Amino acid sequence: ILVIEHDMRVVMGVSERLIVLDHGVTISRGTPEQ
């Protein structure tokens, strides 16, 4: 499952890892804590 979500509590609560985009570029990836 791949989830886009603006609510940080939801996305960090459900995701095992995250990918972060900004202006089309991947700026970070890792666990929610990272």
PDB file of all heavy atoms in Angstrom:
ATOM      1  N   ILE A   1       0.841  -1.200   0.000  1.00  0.00           N
ATOM      2  CA  ILE A   1       0.000   0.000   0.000  1.00  0.00           C
ATOM      3  C   ILE A   1       0.874   1.246   0.000  1.00  0.00           C
ATOM      4  O   ILE A   1       1.828   1.346   0.778  1.00  0.00           O
ATOM      5  CB  ILE A   1      -0.943   0.026   1.224  1.00  0.00           C
ATOM      6  CG1 ILE A   1      -1.880  -1.187   1.197  1.00  0.00           C
ATOM      7  CG2 ILE A   1      -1.764   1.319   1.252  1.00  0.00           C
ATOM      8  CD1 ILE A   1      -2.854  -1.242   2.368  1.00  0.00           C
ATOM      9  N   LEU A   2       0.542   2.185  -0.881  1.00  0.00           N
ATOM     10  CA  LEU A   2       1.215   3.475  -0.971  1.00  0.00           C
ATOM     11  C   LEU A   2       0.185   4.556  -0.661  1.00  0.00           C
ATOM     12  O   LEU A   2      -0.865   4.611  -1.295  1.00  0.00           O
ATOM     13  CB  LEU A   2       1.801   3.670  -2.374  1.00  0.00           C
ATOM     14  CG  LEU A   2       2.559   4.975  -2.652  1.00  0.00           C
ATOM     15  CD1 LEU A   2       3.762   5.119  -1.732  1.00  0.00           C
ATOM     16  CD2 LEU A   2       3.000   5.023  -4.121  1.00  0.00           C
ATOM     17  N   VAL A   3       0.498   5.405   0.323  1.00  0.00           N
ATOM     18  CA  VAL A   3      -0.470   6.388   0.818  1.00  0.00           C
ATOM     19  C   VAL A   3       0.070   7.799   0.671  1.00  0.00           C
ATOM     20  O   VAL A   3       1.174   8.103   1.142  1.00  0.00           O
ATOM     21  CB  VAL A   3      -0.808   6.142   2.305  1.00  0.00           C
ATOM     22  CG1 VAL A   3      -1.868   7.131   2.782  1.00  0.00           C
ATOM     23  CG2 VAL A   3      -1.276   4.716   2.543  1.00  0.00           C
ATOM     24  N   ILE A   4      -0.706   8.680   0.028  1.00  0.00           N
ATOM     25  CA  ILE A   4      -0.461  10.114   0.083  1.00  0.00           C
ATOM     26  C   ILE A   4      -1.369  10.677   1.163  1.00  0.00           C
ATOM     27  O   ILE A   4      -2.570  10.389   1.181  1.00  0.00           O
ATOM     28  CB  ILE A   4      -0.798  10.816  -1.250  1.00  0.00           C
ATOM     29  CG1 ILE A   4       0.180  10.423  -2.357  1.00  0.00           C
ATOM     30  CG2 ILE A   4      -0.766  12.345  -1.072  1.00  0.00           C
ATOM     31  CD1 ILE A   4      -0.187  11.007  -3.714  1.00  0.00           C
ATOM     32  N   GLU A   5      -0.813  11.455   2.071  1.00  0.00           N
ATOM     33  CA  GLU A   5      -1.654  12.006   3.133  1.00  0.00           C
ATOM     34  C   GLU A   5      -1.022  13.268   3.699  1.00  0.00           C
ATOM     35  O   GLU A   5       0.183  13.326   3.929  1.00  0.00           O
ATOM     36  CB  GLU A   5      -1.851  10.970   4.248  1.00  0.00           C
ATOM     37  CG  GLU A   5      -2.791  11.392   5.346  1.00  0.00           C
ATOM     38  CD  GLU A   5      -4.132  11.867   4.828  1.00  0.00           C
ATOM     39  OE1 GLU A   5      -4.835  11.083   4.177  1.00  0.00           O
ATOM     40  OE2 GLU A   5      -4.457  13.050   5.077  1.00  0.00           O
ATOM     41  N   HIS A   6      -1.863  14.302   3.908  1.00  0.00           N
ATOM     42  CA  HIS A   6      -1.378  15.563   4.490  1.00  0.00           C
ATOM     43  C   HIS A   6      -1.414  15.547   6.008  1.00  0.00           C
ATOM     44  O   HIS A   6      -0.660  16.272   6.657  1.00  0.00           O
ATOM     45  CB  HIS A   6      -2.210  16.749   3.973  1.00  0.00           C
ATOM     46  CG  HIS A   6      -1.779  17.238   2.626  1.00  0.00           C
ATOM     47  ND1 HIS A   6      -0.549  17.825   2.398  1.00  0.00           N
ATOM     48  CD2 HIS A   6      -2.396  17.218   1.421  1.00  0.00           C
ATOM     49  CE1 HIS A   6      -0.438  18.157   1.126  1.00  0.00           C
ATOM     50  NE2 HIS A   6      -1.544  17.793   0.508  1.00  0.00           N
ATOM     51  N   ASP A   7      -2.296  14.734   6.571  1.00  0.00           N
ATOM     52  CA  ASP A   7      -2.391  14.670   8.029  1.00  0.00           C
ATOM     53  C   ASP A   7      -1.199  13.871   8.555  1.00  0.00           C
ATOM     54  O   ASP A   7      -1.118  12.661   8.382  1.00  0.00           O
ATOM     55  CB  ASP A   7      -3.709  13.997   8.440  1.00  0.00           C
ATOM     56  CG  ASP A   7      -3.967  14.081   9.934  1.00  0.00           C
ATOM     57  OD1 ASP A   7      -3.062  13.705  10.717  1.00  0.00           O
ATOM     58  OD2 ASP A   7      -5.065  14.513  10.333  1.00  0.00           O
ATOM     59  N   MET A   8      -0.276  14.562   9.211  1.00  0.00           N
ATOM     60  CA  MET A   8       0.965  13.925   9.639  1.00  0.00           C
ATOM     61  C   MET A   8       0.724  12.832  10.670  1.00  0.00           C
ATOM     62  O   MET A   8       1.437  11.839  10.710  1.00  0.00           O
ATOM     63  CB  MET A   8       1.928  14.981  10.198  1.00  0.00           C
ATOM     64  CG  MET A   8       2.345  16.022   9.162  1.00  0.00           C
ATOM     65  SD  MET A   8       3.006  15.269   7.646  1.00  0.00           S
ATOM     66  CE  MET A   8       4.443  14.436   8.281  1.00  0.00           C
ATOM     67  N   ARG A   9      -0.283  13.018  11.515  1.00  0.00           N
ATOM     68  CA  ARG A   9      -0.569  11.993  12.513  1.00  0.00           C
ATOM     69  C   ARG A   9      -1.001  10.699  11.836  1.00  0.00           C
ATOM     70  O   ARG A   9      -0.620   9.608  12.249  1.00  0.00           O
ATOM     71  CB  ARG A   9      -1.657  12.488  13.467  1.00  0.00           C
ATOM     72  CG  ARG A   9      -1.947  11.531  14.612  1.00  0.00           C
ATOM     73  CD  ARG A   9      -2.862  12.175  15.633  1.00  0.00           C
ATOM     74  NE  ARG A   9      -2.258  13.362  16.215  1.00  0.00           N
ATOM     75  CZ  ARG A   9      -2.872  14.167  17.080  1.00  0.00           C
ATOM     76  NH1 ARG A   9      -4.112  13.917  17.441  1.00  0.00           N
ATOM     77  NH2 ARG A   9      -2.257  15.214  17.570  1.00  0.00           N
ATOM     78  N   VAL A  10      -1.799  10.831  10.783  1.00  0.00           N
ATOM     79  CA  VAL A  10      -2.261   9.651  10.051  1.00  0.00           C
ATOM     80  C   VAL A  10      -1.109   8.972   9.327  1.00  0.00           C
ATOM     81  O   VAL A  10      -0.869   7.767   9.489  1.00  0.00           O
ATOM     82  CB  VAL A  10      -3.368  10.028   9.041  1.00  0.00           C
ATOM     83  CG1 VAL A  10      -3.676   8.848   8.116  1.00  0.00           C
ATOM     84  CG2 VAL A  10      -4.632  10.455   9.770  1.00  0.00           C
ATOM     85  N   VAL A  11      -0.372   9.722   8.536  1.00  0.00           N
ATOM     86  CA  VAL A  11       0.643   9.111   7.683  1.00  0.00           C
ATOM     87  C   VAL A  11       1.808   8.552   8.501  1.00  0.00           C
ATOM     88  O   VAL A  11       2.356   7.491   8.190  1.00  0.00           O
ATOM     89  CB  VAL A  11       1.128  10.104   6.602  1.00  0.00           C
ATOM     90  CG1 VAL A  11       2.050  11.165   7.158  1.00  0.00           C
ATOM     91  CG2 VAL A  11       1.807   9.360   5.452  1.00  0.00           C
ATOM     92  N   MET A  12       2.184   9.233   9.567  1.00  0.00           N
ATOM     93  CA  MET A  12       3.277   8.724  10.390  1.00  0.00           C
ATOM     94  C   MET A  12       2.816   7.590  11.292  1.00  0.00           C
ATOM     95  O   MET A  12       3.612   6.754  11.703  1.00  0.00           O
ATOM     96  CB  MET A  12       3.901   9.854  11.199  1.00  0.00           C
ATOM     97  CG  MET A  12       4.676  10.835  10.340  1.00  0.00           C
ATOM     98  SD  MET A  12       5.848  11.820  11.274  1.00  0.00           S
ATOM     99  CE  MET A  12       6.743  12.649   9.954  1.00  0.00           C
ATOM    100  N   GLY A  13       1.522   7.554  11.574  1.00  0.00           N
ATOM    101  CA  GLY A  13       0.994   6.487  12.392  1.00  0.00           C
ATOM    102  C   GLY A  13       0.826   5.181  11.642  1.00  0.00           C
ATOM    103  O   GLY A  13       0.913   4.108  12.231  1.00  0.00           O
ATOM    104  N   VAL A  14       0.617   5.269  10.329  1.00  0.00           N
ATOM    105  CA  VAL A  14       0.315   4.061   9.560  1.00  0.00           C
ATOM    106  C   VAL A  14       1.500   3.549   8.739  1.00  0.00           C
ATOM    107  O   VAL A  14       1.583   2.368   8.434  1.00  0.00           O
ATOM    108  CB  VAL A  14      -0.896   4.304   8.633  1.00  0.00           C
ATOM    109  CG1 VAL A  14      -0.509   5.118   7.411  1.00  0.00           C
ATOM    110  CG2 VAL A  14      -1.540   2.993   8.220  1.00  0.00           C
ATOM    111  N   SER A  15       2.434   4.449   8.403  1.00  0.00           N
ATOM    112  CA  SER A  15       3.500   4.085   7.461  1.00  0.00           C
ATOM    113  C   SER A  15       4.701   3.455   8.159  1.00  0.00           C
ATOM    114  O   SER A  15       5.109   3.881   9.235  1.00  0.00           O
ATOM    115  CB  SER A  15       3.974   5.319   6.687  1.00  0.00           C
ATOM    116  OG  SER A  15       2.896   5.924   5.996  1.00  0.00           O
ATOM    117  N   GLU A  16       5.281   2.472   7.503  1.00  0.00           N
ATOM    118  CA  GLU A  16       6.518   1.853   7.982  1.00  0.00           C
ATOM    119  C   GLU A  16       7.732   2.644   7.515  1.00  0.00           C
ATOM    120  O   GLU A  16       8.766   2.667   8.176  1.00  0.00           O
ATOM    121  CB  GLU A  16       6.593   0.413   7.485  1.00  0.00           C
ATOM    122  CG  GLU A  16       5.487  -0.457   8.064  1.00  0.00           C
ATOM    123  CD  GLU A  16       5.175  -1.686   7.245  1.00  0.00           C
ATOM    124  OE1 GLU A  16       5.631  -1.764   6.084  1.00  0.00           O
ATOM    125  OE2 GLU A  16       4.457  -2.551   7.756  1.00  0.00           O
ATOM    126  N   ARG A  17       7.614   3.264   6.364  1.00  0.00           N
ATOM    127  CA  ARG A  17       8.632   4.193   5.888  1.00  0.00           C
ATOM    128  C   ARG A  17       7.974   5.254   5.026  1.00  0.00           C
ATOM    129  O   ARG A  17       6.842   5.094   4.563  1.00  0.00           O
ATOM    130  CB  ARG A  17       9.758   3.479   5.147  1.00  0.00           C
ATOM    131  CG  ARG A  17       9.353   2.670   3.930  1.00  0.00           C
ATOM    132  CD  ARG A  17      10.553   1.883   3.397  1.00  0.00           C
ATOM    133  NE  ARG A  17      10.196   1.021   2.279  1.00  0.00           N
ATOM    134  CZ  ARG A  17      10.296   1.358   0.999  1.00  0.00           C
ATOM    135  NH1 ARG A  17      10.742   2.563   0.668  1.00  0.00           N
ATOM    136  NH2 ARG A  17       9.963   0.500   0.050  1.00  0.00           N
ATOM    137  N   LEU A  18       8.707   6.357   4.825  1.00  0.00           N
ATOM    138  CA  LEU A  18       8.163   7.511   4.117  1.00  0.00           C
ATOM    139  C   LEU A  18       9.101   7.951   3.009  1.00  0.00           C
ATOM    140  O   LEU A  18      10.315   7.777   3.096  1.00  0.00           O
ATOM    141  CB  LEU A  18       7.961   8.687   5.078  1.00  0.00           C
ATOM    142  CG  LEU A  18       6.913   8.538   6.183  1.00  0.00           C
ATOM    143  CD1 LEU A  18       7.042   9.677   7.184  1.00  0.00           C
ATOM    144  CD2 LEU A  18       5.514   8.520   5.586  1.00  0.00           C
ATOM    145  N   ILE A  19       8.506   8.546   1.971  1.00  0.00           N
ATOM    146  CA  ILE A  19       9.266   9.229   0.936  1.00  0.00           C
ATOM    147  C   ILE A  19       8.714  10.649   0.863  1.00  0.00           C
ATOM    148  O   ILE A  19       7.498  10.855   0.934  1.00  0.00           O
ATOM    149  CB  ILE A  19       9.162   8.504  -0.429  1.00  0.00           C
ATOM    150  CG1 ILE A  19       9.942   9.261  -1.497  1.00  0.00           C
ATOM    151  CG2 ILE A  19       7.719   8.290  -0.852  1.00  0.00           C
ATOM    152  CD1 ILE A  19      10.088   8.482  -2.806  1.00  0.00           C
ATOM    153  N   VAL A  20       9.606  11.627   0.782  1.00  0.00           N
ATOM    154  CA  VAL A  20       9.208  13.036   0.822  1.00  0.00           C
ATOM    155  C   VAL A  20       9.596  13.717  -0.485  1.00  0.00           C
ATOM    156  O   VAL A  20      10.764  13.660  -0.904  1.00  0.00           O
ATOM    157  CB  VAL A  20       9.865  13.780   2.000  1.00  0.00           C
ATOM    158  CG1 VAL A  20       9.255  15.176   2.150  1.00  0.00           C
ATOM    159  CG2 VAL A  20       9.706  12.990   3.300  1.00  0.00           C
ATOM    160  N   LEU A  21       8.614  14.358  -1.129  1.00  0.00           N
ATOM    161  CA  LEU A  21       8.851  15.087  -2.373  1.00  0.00           C
ATOM    162  C   LEU A  21       8.731  16.583  -2.144  1.00  0.00           C
ATOM    163  O   LEU A  21       7.964  17.047  -1.292  1.00  0.00           O
ATOM    164  CB  LEU A  21       7.845  14.666  -3.444  1.00  0.00           C
ATOM    165  CG  LEU A  21       7.809  13.209  -3.882  1.00  0.00           C
ATOM    166  CD1 LEU A  21       6.763  13.002  -4.981  1.00  0.00           C
ATOM    167  CD2 LEU A  21       9.172  12.745  -4.357  1.00  0.00           C
ATOM    168  N   ASP A  22       9.487  17.352  -2.926  1.00  0.00           N
ATOM    169  CA  ASP A  22       9.365  18.805  -2.933  1.00  0.00           C
ATOM    170  C   ASP A  22       9.728  19.288  -4.327  1.00  0.00           C
ATOM    171  O   ASP A  22      10.830  19.026  -4.814  1.00  0.00           O
ATOM    172  CB  ASP A  22      10.286  19.435  -1.887  1.00  0.00           C
ATOM    173  CG  ASP A  22      10.076  20.943  -1.774  1.00  0.00           C
ATOM    174  OD1 ASP A  22       8.938  21.408  -2.020  1.00  0.00           O
ATOM    175  OD2 ASP A  22      11.043  21.655  -1.444  1.00  0.00           O
ATOM    176  N   HIS A  23       8.773  19.943  -5.000  1.00  0.00           N
ATOM    177  CA  HIS A  23       8.967  20.407  -6.373  1.00  0.00           C
ATOM    178  C   HIS A  23       9.430  19.275  -7.294  1.00  0.00           C
ATOM    179  O   HIS A  23      10.315  19.456  -8.135  1.00  0.00           O
ATOM    180  CB  HIS A  23       9.958  21.574  -6.423  1.00  0.00           C
ATOM    181  CG  HIS A  23       9.465  22.823  -5.740  1.00  0.00           C
ATOM    182  ND1 HIS A  23       9.731  23.098  -4.420  1.00  0.00           N
ATOM    183  CD2 HIS A  23       8.677  23.833  -6.197  1.00  0.00           C
ATOM    184  CE1 HIS A  23       9.153  24.241  -4.087  1.00  0.00           C
ATOM    185  NE2 HIS A  23       8.501  24.704  -5.145  1.00  0.00           N
ATOM    186  N   GLY A  24       8.826  18.104  -7.099  1.00  0.00           N
ATOM    187  CA  GLY A  24       9.108  16.972  -7.974  1.00  0.00           C
ATOM    188  C   GLY A  24      10.358  16.200  -7.648  1.00  0.00           C
ATOM    189  O   GLY A  24      10.650  15.189  -8.292  1.00  0.00           O
ATOM    190  N   VAL A  25      11.113  16.650  -6.638  1.00  0.00           N
ATOM    191  CA  VAL A  25      12.389  16.018  -6.280  1.00  0.00           C
ATOM    192  C   VAL A  25      12.232  15.291  -4.949  1.00  0.00           C
ATOM    193  O   VAL A  25      11.623  15.803  -4.011  1.00  0.00           O
ATOM    194  CB  VAL A  25      13.504  17.074  -6.169  1.00  0.00           C
ATOM    195  CG1 VAL A  25      14.815  16.436  -5.714  1.00  0.00           C
ATOM    196  CG2 VAL A  25      13.695  17.789  -7.505  1.00  0.00           C
ATOM    197  N   THR A  26      12.788  14.089  -4.867  1.00  0.00           N
ATOM    198  CA  THR A  26      12.790  13.347  -3.605  1.00  0.00           C
ATOM    199  C   THR A  26      13.853  13.943  -2.694  1.00  0.00           C
ATOM    200  O   THR A  26      15.046  13.908  -3.012  1.00  0.00           O
ATOM    201  CB  THR A  26      13.084  11.857  -3.841  1.00  0.00           C
ATOM    202  OG1 THR A  26      12.090  11.315  -4.718  1.00  0.00           O
ATOM    203  CG2 THR A  26      13.069  11.087  -2.524  1.00  0.00           C
ATOM    204  N   ILE A  27      13.421  14.506  -1.552  1.00  0.00           N
ATOM    205  CA  ILE A  27      14.373  15.167  -0.646  1.00  0.00           C
ATOM    206  C   ILE A  27      14.691  14.324   0.581  1.00  0.00           C
ATOM    207  O   ILE A  27      15.646  14.618   1.302  1.00  0.00           O
ATOM    208  CB  ILE A  27      13.864  16.554  -0.213  1.00  0.00           C
ATOM    209  CG1 ILE A  27      12.549  16.439   0.564  1.00  0.00           C
ATOM    210  CG2 ILE A  27      13.731  17.478  -1.421  1.00  0.00           C
ATOM    211  CD1 ILE A  27      12.121  17.760   1.216  1.00  0.00           C
ATOM    212  N   SER A  28      13.891  13.289   0.837  1.00  0.00           N
ATOM    213  CA  SER A  28      14.166  12.450   2.007  1.00  0.00           C
ATOM    214  C   SER A  28      13.415  11.140   1.883  1.00  0.00           C
ATOM    215  O   SER A  28      12.371  11.068   1.226  1.00  0.00           O
ATOM    216  CB  SER A  28      13.742  13.166   3.295  1.00  0.00           C
ATOM    217  OG  SER A  28      14.105  12.412   4.442  1.00  0.00           O
ATOM    218  N   ARG A  29      13.939  10.118   2.529  1.00  0.00           N
ATOM    219  CA  ARG A  29      13.254   8.837   2.644  1.00  0.00           C
ATOM    220  C   ARG A  29      13.796   8.107   3.870  1.00  0.00           C
ATOM    221  O   ARG A  29      14.941   8.292   4.257  1.00  0.00           O
ATOM    222  CB  ARG A  29      13.394   7.993   1.371  1.00  0.00           C
ATOM    223  CG  ARG A  29      14.794   7.611   0.990  1.00  0.00           C
ATOM    224  CD  ARG A  29      14.807   6.715  -0.254  1.00  0.00           C
ATOM    225  NE  ARG A  29      14.622   7.459  -1.489  1.00  0.00           N
ATOM    226  CZ  ARG A  29      13.778   7.107  -2.463  1.00  0.00           C
ATOM    227  NH1 ARG A  29      13.015   6.042  -2.330  1.00  0.00           N
ATOM    228  NH2 ARG A  29      13.685   7.816  -3.568  1.00  0.00           N
ATOM    229  N   GLY A  30      12.928   7.311   4.484  1.00  0.00           N
ATOM    230  CA  GLY A  30      13.346   6.590   5.684  1.00  0.00           C
ATOM    231  C   GLY A  30      12.159   6.286   6.568  1.00  0.00           C
ATOM    232  O   GLY A  30      10.998   6.390   6.147  1.00  0.00           O
ATOM    233  N   THR A  31      12.432   5.912   7.807  1.00  0.00           N
ATOM    234  CA  THR A  31      11.354   5.651   8.756  1.00  0.00           C
ATOM    235  C   THR A  31      10.691   6.978   9.135  1.00  0.00           C
ATOM    236  O   THR A  31      11.295   8.046   8.961  1.00  0.00           O
ATOM    237  CB  THR A  31      11.898   4.981  10.023  1.00  0.00           C
ATOM    238  OG1 THR A  31      12.757   5.913  10.704  1.00  0.00           O
ATOM    239  CG2 THR A  31      12.664   3.712   9.704  1.00  0.00           C
ATOM    240  N   PRO A  32       9.464   6.933   9.664  1.00  0.00           N
ATOM    241  CA  PRO A  32       8.833   8.180  10.115  1.00  0.00           C
ATOM    242  C   PRO A  32       9.715   8.965  11.089  1.00  0.00           C
ATOM    243  O   PRO A  32       9.785  10.196  11.011  1.00  0.00           O
ATOM    244  CB  PRO A  32       7.544   7.691  10.782  1.00  0.00           C
ATOM    245  CG  PRO A  32       7.201   6.446  10.038  1.00  0.00           C
ATOM    246  CD  PRO A  32       8.530   5.794   9.758  1.00  0.00           C
ATOM    247  N   GLU A  33      10.381   8.278  11.988  1.00  0.00           N
ATOM    248  CA  GLU A  33      11.242   8.935  12.966  1.00  0.00           C
ATOM    249  C   GLU A  33      12.409   9.647  12.276  1.00  0.00           C
ATOM    250  O   GLU A  33      12.744  10.793  12.610  1.00  0.00           O
ATOM    251  CB  GLU A  33      11.778   7.909  13.968  1.00  0.00           C
ATOM    252  CG  GLU A  33      12.584   8.506  15.111  1.00  0.00           C
ATOM    253  CD  GLU A  33      11.750   9.354  16.048  1.00  0.00           C
ATOM    254  OE1 GLU A  33      10.508   9.196  16.058  1.00  0.00           O
ATOM    255  OE2 GLU A  33      12.342  10.184  16.768  1.00  0.00           O
ATOM    256  N   GLN A  34      13.007   9.002  11.284  1.00  0.00           N
ATOM    257  CA  GLN A  34      14.112   9.613  10.557  1.00  0.00           C
ATOM    258  C   GLN A  34      13.657  10.815   9.750  1.00  0.00           C
ATOM    259  O   GLN A  34      14.312  11.861   9.736  1.00  0.00           O
ATOM    260  CB  GLN A  34      14.753   8.574   9.628  1.00  0.00           C
ATOM    261  CG  GLN A  34      15.501   7.464  10.338  1.00  0.00           C
ATOM    262  CD  GLN A  34      15.884   6.319   9.419  1.00  0.00           C
ATOM    263  OE1 GLN A  34      15.218   6.072   8.405  1.00  0.00           O
ATOM    264  NE2 GLN A  34      16.949   5.605   9.759  1.00  0.00           N
TER     265      GLN A  34
END
